[in-house]
Amino acid sequence: MISPRPPLRIPPRALLAALVLAILVALLLLAMQRPPICPCGTIKLWHGAVQSSENSQHLADWYSFSHIIHGFLFYAAAHFALRGGARSWALPAAVAIEGLWELLENSPIIINRYRDATIALGYSGDSIVNSLADIGWMAFGFVLAGRLPAKVTIALALVFEFGTLLLIRDNLTLNVLMLVWPIEAIKTWQGAGGML
């Protein structure tokens, strides 16, 4: 019988590398002229109104659950794909991937895609605080996946996906689908939901 692989370790130097990468993303977002904080002038712990100019501007919102799932997925990929010393660098690799997504997500091409293909009609991109929080939520999901049994992690991901689907008519799956292959019927259904 093959013994299960041990959980991924995060040595201090890998943690430092992840932090440096997150700071680099923040500096690049600043160079892209992203607002440091919400243009409303405040930083909230939670902002739950999806159809709002303050969505994706604060520390946490309904889409934070998607970023936690990113962490679950990155952990699973690293757990099964990486061998030897590379396993110690899985978290910085995950931060780099999430950071690249944050940079792409805040580029004009993706901002316009969200506006055209999804119900995010007034979406103008994330604040830097929100982008860094998204990276933090992903890292939280990554670490959590390393501490929880796989079945619990999968159950949590399903609760997050179905919970946000019921509450705001959106989730990671629909977000990806609508970015890649928009379906008008889904866009109509999402828009009719009176999202929080």
C-alpha atoms as a PDB file:
ATOM      1  CA  MET A   1       0.000   0.000   0.000  1.00  0.00           C
ATOM      2  CA  ILE A   2       1.292   3.465  -0.908  1.00  0.00           C
ATOM      3  CA  SER A   3       1.434   5.844   2.029  1.00  0.00           C
ATOM      4  CA  PRO A   4      -0.224   9.251   1.575  1.00  0.00           C
ATOM      5  CA  ARG A   5       2.020  12.182   0.795  1.00  0.00           C
ATOM      6  CA  PRO A   6       2.783  14.434   3.755  1.00  0.00           C
ATOM      7  CA  PRO A   7       1.217  17.910   3.824  1.00  0.00           C
ATOM      8  CA  LEU A   8       3.155  20.701   2.153  1.00  0.00           C
ATOM      9  CA  ARG A   9       5.483  22.600   4.460  1.00  0.00           C
ATOM     10  CA  ILE A  10       5.919  26.356   4.246  1.00  0.00           C
ATOM     11  CA  PRO A  11       9.437  27.228   5.441  1.00  0.00           C
ATOM     12  CA  PRO A  12      10.107  30.809   6.625  1.00  0.00           C
ATOM     13  CA  ARG A  13      12.022  31.756   3.456  1.00  0.00           C
ATOM     14  CA  ALA A  14       9.064  30.602   1.295  1.00  0.00           C
ATOM     15  CA  LEU A  15       6.708  32.646   3.455  1.00  0.00           C
ATOM     16  CA  LEU A  16       8.993  35.671   3.002  1.00  0.00           C
ATOM     17  CA  ALA A  17       9.081  35.069  -0.775  1.00  0.00           C
ATOM     18  CA  ALA A  18       5.260  34.955  -0.840  1.00  0.00           C
ATOM     19  CA  LEU A  19       5.122  38.270   1.042  1.00  0.00           C
ATOM     20  CA  VAL A  20       7.652  39.883  -1.330  1.00  0.00           C
ATOM     21  CA  LEU A  21       5.604  38.698  -4.323  1.00  0.00           C
ATOM     22  CA  ALA A  22       2.428  40.194  -2.835  1.00  0.00           C
ATOM     23  CA  ILE A  23       4.229  43.528  -2.306  1.00  0.00           C
ATOM     24  CA  LEU A  24       5.468  43.400  -5.911  1.00  0.00           C
ATOM     25  CA  VAL A  25       1.870  42.893  -7.103  1.00  0.00           C
ATOM     26  CA  ALA A  26       0.793  45.913  -5.028  1.00  0.00           C
ATOM     27  CA  LEU A  27       3.545  48.049  -6.588  1.00  0.00           C
ATOM     28  CA  LEU A  28       2.586  46.927 -10.096  1.00  0.00           C
ATOM     29  CA  LEU A  29      -1.081  47.700  -9.397  1.00  0.00           C
ATOM     30  CA  LEU A  30      -0.020  51.134  -8.166  1.00  0.00           C
ATOM     31  CA  ALA A  31       1.939  51.607 -11.410  1.00  0.00           C
ATOM     32  CA  MET A  32      -1.259  50.603 -13.275  1.00  0.00           C
ATOM     33  CA  GLN A  33      -2.919  53.512 -11.434  1.00  0.00           C
ATOM     34  CA  ARG A  34      -5.299  51.305  -9.465  1.00  0.00           C
ATOM     35  CA  PRO A  35      -6.763  53.118  -6.441  1.00  0.00           C
ATOM     36  CA  PRO A  36      -5.027  52.126  -3.184  1.00  0.00           C
ATOM     37  CA  ILE A  37      -8.348  52.008  -1.296  1.00  0.00           C
ATOM     38  CA  CYS A  38     -12.015  52.320  -2.173  1.00  0.00           C
ATOM     39  CA  PRO A  39     -12.717  55.662  -3.879  1.00  0.00           C
ATOM     40  CA  CYS A  40     -15.382  56.053  -1.159  1.00  0.00           C
ATOM     41  CA  GLY A  41     -12.481  56.827   1.209  1.00  0.00           C
ATOM     42  CA  THR A  42     -12.977  53.975   3.671  1.00  0.00           C
ATOM     43  CA  ILE A  43     -11.692  50.453   4.198  1.00  0.00           C
ATOM     44  CA  LYS A  44     -14.366  48.024   5.373  1.00  0.00           C
ATOM     45  CA  LEU A  45     -13.820  44.549   6.733  1.00  0.00           C
ATOM     46  CA  TRP A  46     -16.882  43.312   4.802  1.00  0.00           C
ATOM     47  CA  HIS A  47     -18.905  44.750   1.949  1.00  0.00           C
ATOM     48  CA  GLY A  48     -21.814  42.550   0.910  1.00  0.00           C
ATOM     49  CA  ALA A  49     -23.609  44.575  -1.754  1.00  0.00           C
ATOM     50  CA  VAL A  50     -22.620  42.974  -5.064  1.00  0.00           C
ATOM     51  CA  GLN A  51     -24.271  45.531  -7.355  1.00  0.00           C
ATOM     52  CA  SER A  52     -22.433  48.432  -5.794  1.00  0.00           C
ATOM     53  CA  SER A  53     -19.559  50.715  -6.689  1.00  0.00           C
ATOM     54  CA  GLU A  54     -17.897  49.490  -3.477  1.00  0.00           C
ATOM     55  CA  ASN A  55     -17.847  45.833  -4.550  1.00  0.00           C
ATOM     56  CA  SER A  56     -14.272  44.527  -4.888  1.00  0.00           C
ATOM     57  CA  GLN A  57     -12.952  47.555  -3.001  1.00  0.00           C
ATOM     58  CA  HIS A  58     -12.677  46.323   0.590  1.00  0.00           C
ATOM     59  CA  LEU A  59     -11.026  43.527   2.597  1.00  0.00           C
ATOM     60  CA  ALA A  60     -13.759  40.933   2.093  1.00  0.00           C
ATOM     61  CA  ASP A  61     -16.854  40.473  -0.032  1.00  0.00           C
ATOM     62  CA  TRP A  62     -18.835  37.593  -1.511  1.00  0.00           C
ATOM     63  CA  TYR A  63     -16.027  36.900  -3.992  1.00  0.00           C
ATOM     64  CA  SER A  64     -13.555  36.271  -1.149  1.00  0.00           C
ATOM     65  CA  PHE A  65     -15.009  32.749  -1.010  1.00  0.00           C
ATOM     66  CA  SER A  66     -13.852  32.201  -4.613  1.00  0.00           C
ATOM     67  CA  HIS A  67     -10.328  33.237  -3.657  1.00  0.00           C
ATOM     68  CA  ILE A  68     -10.332  30.769  -0.758  1.00  0.00           C
ATOM     69  CA  ILE A  69     -11.296  28.082  -3.282  1.00  0.00           C
ATOM     70  CA  HIS A  70      -8.359  29.218  -5.459  1.00  0.00           C
ATOM     71  CA  GLY A  71      -6.158  28.390  -2.457  1.00  0.00           C
ATOM     72  CA  PHE A  72      -7.763  24.946  -2.137  1.00  0.00           C
ATOM     73  CA  LEU A  73      -7.140  24.274  -5.839  1.00  0.00           C
ATOM     74  CA  PHE A  74      -3.544  25.542  -5.786  1.00  0.00           C
ATOM     75  CA  TYR A  75      -2.817  23.403  -2.732  1.00  0.00           C
ATOM     76  CA  ALA A  76      -4.253  20.306  -4.420  1.00  0.00           C
ATOM     77  CA  ALA A  77      -2.276  20.958  -7.608  1.00  0.00           C
ATOM     78  CA  ALA A  78       0.954  21.493  -5.677  1.00  0.00           C
ATOM     79  CA  HIS A  79       0.326  18.497  -3.418  1.00  0.00           C
ATOM     80  CA  PHE A  80      -0.002  16.132  -6.359  1.00  0.00           C
ATOM     81  CA  ALA A  81       2.344  17.737  -8.908  1.00  0.00           C
ATOM     82  CA  LEU A  82       5.385  18.903  -6.945  1.00  0.00           C
ATOM     83  CA  ARG A  83       8.174  16.651  -5.731  1.00  0.00           C
ATOM     84  CA  GLY A  84      11.122  17.106  -3.422  1.00  0.00           C
ATOM     85  CA  GLY A  85      12.287  20.604  -2.525  1.00  0.00           C
ATOM     86  CA  ALA A  86       9.858  22.213  -4.968  1.00  0.00           C
ATOM     87  CA  ARG A  87       7.058  21.347  -2.548  1.00  0.00           C
ATOM     88  CA  SER A  88       8.427  23.927  -0.091  1.00  0.00           C
ATOM     89  CA  TRP A  89       7.903  26.677  -2.669  1.00  0.00           C
ATOM     90  CA  ALA A  90       4.259  25.878  -3.408  1.00  0.00           C
ATOM     91  CA  LEU A  91       2.849  28.872  -1.508  1.00  0.00           C
ATOM     92  CA  PRO A  92       5.024  31.463  -3.295  1.00  0.00           C
ATOM     93  CA  ALA A  93       4.073  29.807  -6.596  1.00  0.00           C
ATOM     94  CA  ALA A  94       0.392  30.085  -5.650  1.00  0.00           C
ATOM     95  CA  VAL A  95       0.848  33.751  -4.656  1.00  0.00           C
ATOM     96  CA  ALA A  96       2.582  34.406  -7.994  1.00  0.00           C
ATOM     97  CA  ILE A  97      -0.312  32.842  -9.937  1.00  0.00           C
ATOM     98  CA  GLU A  98      -2.948  34.657  -7.876  1.00  0.00           C
ATOM     99  CA  GLY A  99      -0.976  37.893  -8.221  1.00  0.00           C
ATOM    100  CA  LEU A 100      -0.802  37.496 -11.996  1.00  0.00           C
ATOM    101  CA  TRP A 101      -4.573  37.006 -12.029  1.00  0.00           C
ATOM    102  CA  GLU A 102      -5.037  40.193  -9.961  1.00  0.00           C
ATOM    103  CA  LEU A 103      -2.897  42.120 -12.454  1.00  0.00           C
ATOM    104  CA  LEU A 104      -4.816  40.678 -15.402  1.00  0.00           C
ATOM    105  CA  GLU A 105      -8.186  41.161 -13.691  1.00  0.00           C
ATOM    106  CA  ASN A 106      -7.408  44.852 -13.269  1.00  0.00           C
ATOM    107  CA  SER A 107      -6.307  45.369 -16.861  1.00  0.00           C
ATOM    108  CA  PRO A 108      -8.640  47.171 -19.267  1.00  0.00           C
ATOM    109  CA  ILE A 109      -9.236  44.007 -21.313  1.00  0.00           C
ATOM    110  CA  ILE A 110     -10.665  42.032 -18.372  1.00  0.00           C
ATOM    111  CA  ILE A 111     -12.481  44.995 -16.806  1.00  0.00           C
ATOM    112  CA  ASN A 112     -14.237  45.555 -20.151  1.00  0.00           C
ATOM    113  CA  ARG A 113     -14.904  41.818 -20.497  1.00  0.00           C
ATOM    114  CA  TYR A 114     -16.614  41.785 -17.095  1.00  0.00           C
ATOM    115  CA  ARG A 115     -18.718  44.779 -18.127  1.00  0.00           C
ATOM    116  CA  ASP A 116     -19.705  43.248 -21.478  1.00  0.00           C
ATOM    117  CA  ALA A 117     -20.169  39.586 -20.602  1.00  0.00           C
ATOM    118  CA  THR A 118     -21.365  39.570 -17.002  1.00  0.00           C
ATOM    119  CA  ILE A 119     -23.813  41.451 -14.796  1.00  0.00           C
ATOM    120  CA  ALA A 120     -20.959  43.619 -13.472  1.00  0.00           C
ATOM    121  CA  LEU A 121     -22.060  46.557 -15.628  1.00  0.00           C
ATOM    122  CA  GLY A 122     -20.300  49.282 -13.641  1.00  0.00           C
ATOM    123  CA  TYR A 123     -17.240  47.228 -12.676  1.00  0.00           C
ATOM    124  CA  SER A 124     -14.119  49.378 -12.688  1.00  0.00           C
ATOM    125  CA  GLY A 125     -11.602  46.941 -11.202  1.00  0.00           C
ATOM    126  CA  ASP A 126     -10.367  46.301  -7.688  1.00  0.00           C
ATOM    127  CA  SER A 127      -8.703  48.592  -5.200  1.00  0.00           C
ATOM    128  CA  ILE A 128      -5.161  47.567  -4.266  1.00  0.00           C
ATOM    129  CA  VAL A 129      -6.391  46.762  -0.753  1.00  0.00           C
ATOM    130  CA  ASN A 130      -8.957  44.380  -2.234  1.00  0.00           C
ATOM    131  CA  SER A 131      -6.407  42.749  -4.551  1.00  0.00           C
ATOM    132  CA  LEU A 132      -4.012  42.170  -1.648  1.00  0.00           C
ATOM    133  CA  ALA A 133      -6.895  40.848   0.455  1.00  0.00           C
ATOM    134  CA  ASP A 134      -7.803  38.477  -2.400  1.00  0.00           C
ATOM    135  CA  ILE A 135      -4.228  37.167  -2.378  1.00  0.00           C
ATOM    136  CA  GLY A 136      -4.499  36.835   1.405  1.00  0.00           C
ATOM    137  CA  TRP A 137      -7.785  34.898   1.136  1.00  0.00           C
ATOM    138  CA  MET A 138      -6.167  32.574  -1.401  1.00  0.00           C
ATOM    139  CA  ALA A 139      -3.210  32.016   0.956  1.00  0.00           C
ATOM    140  CA  PHE A 140      -5.676  31.348   3.796  1.00  0.00           C
ATOM    141  CA  GLY A 141      -7.396  28.714   1.622  1.00  0.00           C
ATOM    142  CA  PHE A 142      -4.014  27.215   0.718  1.00  0.00           C
ATOM    143  CA  VAL A 143      -2.969  26.892   4.374  1.00  0.00           C
ATOM    144  CA  LEU A 144      -6.419  25.656   5.391  1.00  0.00           C
ATOM    145  CA  ALA A 145      -6.319  22.925   2.742  1.00  0.00           C
ATOM    146  CA  GLY A 146      -3.022  21.740   4.218  1.00  0.00           C
ATOM    147  CA  ARG A 147      -4.544  21.410   7.670  1.00  0.00           C
ATOM    148  CA  LEU A 148      -7.947  19.922   6.878  1.00  0.00           C
ATOM    149  CA  PRO A 149      -8.741  16.451   5.550  1.00  0.00           C
ATOM    150  CA  ALA A 150      -9.312  16.502   1.782  1.00  0.00           C
ATOM    151  CA  LYS A 151     -12.988  15.550   2.191  1.00  0.00           C
ATOM    152  CA  VAL A 152     -13.576  18.539   4.486  1.00  0.00           C
ATOM    153  CA  THR A 153     -11.811  20.884   2.049  1.00  0.00           C
ATOM    154  CA  ILE A 154     -13.953  19.610  -0.836  1.00  0.00           C
ATOM    155  CA  ALA A 155     -17.110  19.951   1.276  1.00  0.00           C
ATOM    156  CA  LEU A 156     -16.174  23.527   2.184  1.00  0.00           C
ATOM    157  CA  ALA A 157     -15.570  24.399  -1.473  1.00  0.00           C
ATOM    158  CA  LEU A 158     -19.014  23.020  -2.365  1.00  0.00           C
ATOM    159  CA  VAL A 159     -20.656  24.950   0.489  1.00  0.00           C
ATOM    160  CA  PHE A 160     -18.958  28.151  -0.718  1.00  0.00           C
ATOM    161  CA  GLU A 161     -19.978  27.541  -4.347  1.00  0.00           C
ATOM    162  CA  PHE A 162     -23.606  26.617  -3.620  1.00  0.00           C
ATOM    163  CA  GLY A 163     -23.927  29.218  -0.862  1.00  0.00           C
ATOM    164  CA  THR A 164     -22.845  32.112  -3.055  1.00  0.00           C
ATOM    165  CA  LEU A 165     -24.911  30.726  -5.936  1.00  0.00           C
ATOM    166  CA  LEU A 166     -28.022  30.860  -3.736  1.00  0.00           C
ATOM    167  CA  LEU A 167     -27.233  34.179  -2.067  1.00  0.00           C
ATOM    168  CA  ILE A 168     -25.855  36.282  -4.934  1.00  0.00           C
ATOM    169  CA  ARG A 169     -26.466  34.130  -8.033  1.00  0.00           C
ATOM    170  CA  ASP A 170     -22.745  34.008  -8.723  1.00  0.00           C
ATOM    171  CA  ASN A 171     -19.751  31.894  -7.757  1.00  0.00           C
ATOM    172  CA  LEU A 172     -16.321  30.847  -9.026  1.00  0.00           C
ATOM    173  CA  THR A 173     -17.752  28.421 -11.581  1.00  0.00           C
ATOM    174  CA  LEU A 174     -20.161  30.959 -13.089  1.00  0.00           C
ATOM    175  CA  ASN A 175     -17.543  33.698 -12.954  1.00  0.00           C
ATOM    176  CA  VAL A 176     -15.125  31.632 -15.049  1.00  0.00           C
ATOM    177  CA  LEU A 177     -17.869  30.446 -17.407  1.00  0.00           C
ATOM    178  CA  MET A 178     -19.181  33.954 -18.027  1.00  0.00           C
ATOM    179  CA  LEU A 179     -15.684  35.310 -18.667  1.00  0.00           C
ATOM    180  CA  VAL A 180     -14.731  32.531 -21.074  1.00  0.00           C
ATOM    181  CA  TRP A 181     -18.046  31.667 -22.711  1.00  0.00           C
ATOM    182  CA  PRO A 182     -20.851  34.066 -21.771  1.00  0.00           C
ATOM    183  CA  ILE A 183     -24.373  32.661 -21.827  1.00  0.00           C
ATOM    184  CA  GLU A 184     -27.088  35.272 -22.145  1.00  0.00           C
ATOM    185  CA  ALA A 185     -29.624  33.170 -20.208  1.00  0.00           C
ATOM    186  CA  ILE A 186     -27.283  33.022 -17.195  1.00  0.00           C
ATOM    187  CA  LYS A 187     -26.608  36.764 -17.402  1.00  0.00           C
ATOM    188  CA  THR A 188     -30.373  37.419 -17.457  1.00  0.00           C
ATOM    189  CA  TRP A 189     -30.964  35.043 -14.528  1.00  0.00           C
ATOM    190  CA  GLN A 190     -28.182  36.666 -12.507  1.00  0.00           C
ATOM    191  CA  GLY A 191     -29.478  40.162 -13.221  1.00  0.00           C
ATOM    192  CA  ALA A 192     -33.035  39.243 -12.214  1.00  0.00           C
ATOM    193  CA  GLY A 193     -31.968  38.048  -8.791  1.00  0.00           C
ATOM    194  CA  GLY A 194     -31.877  41.300  -6.898  1.00  0.00           C
ATOM    195  CA  MET A 195     -28.356  40.422  -5.752  1.00  0.00           C
ATOM    196  CA  LEU A 196     -27.312  41.483  -2.274  1.00  0.00           C
END
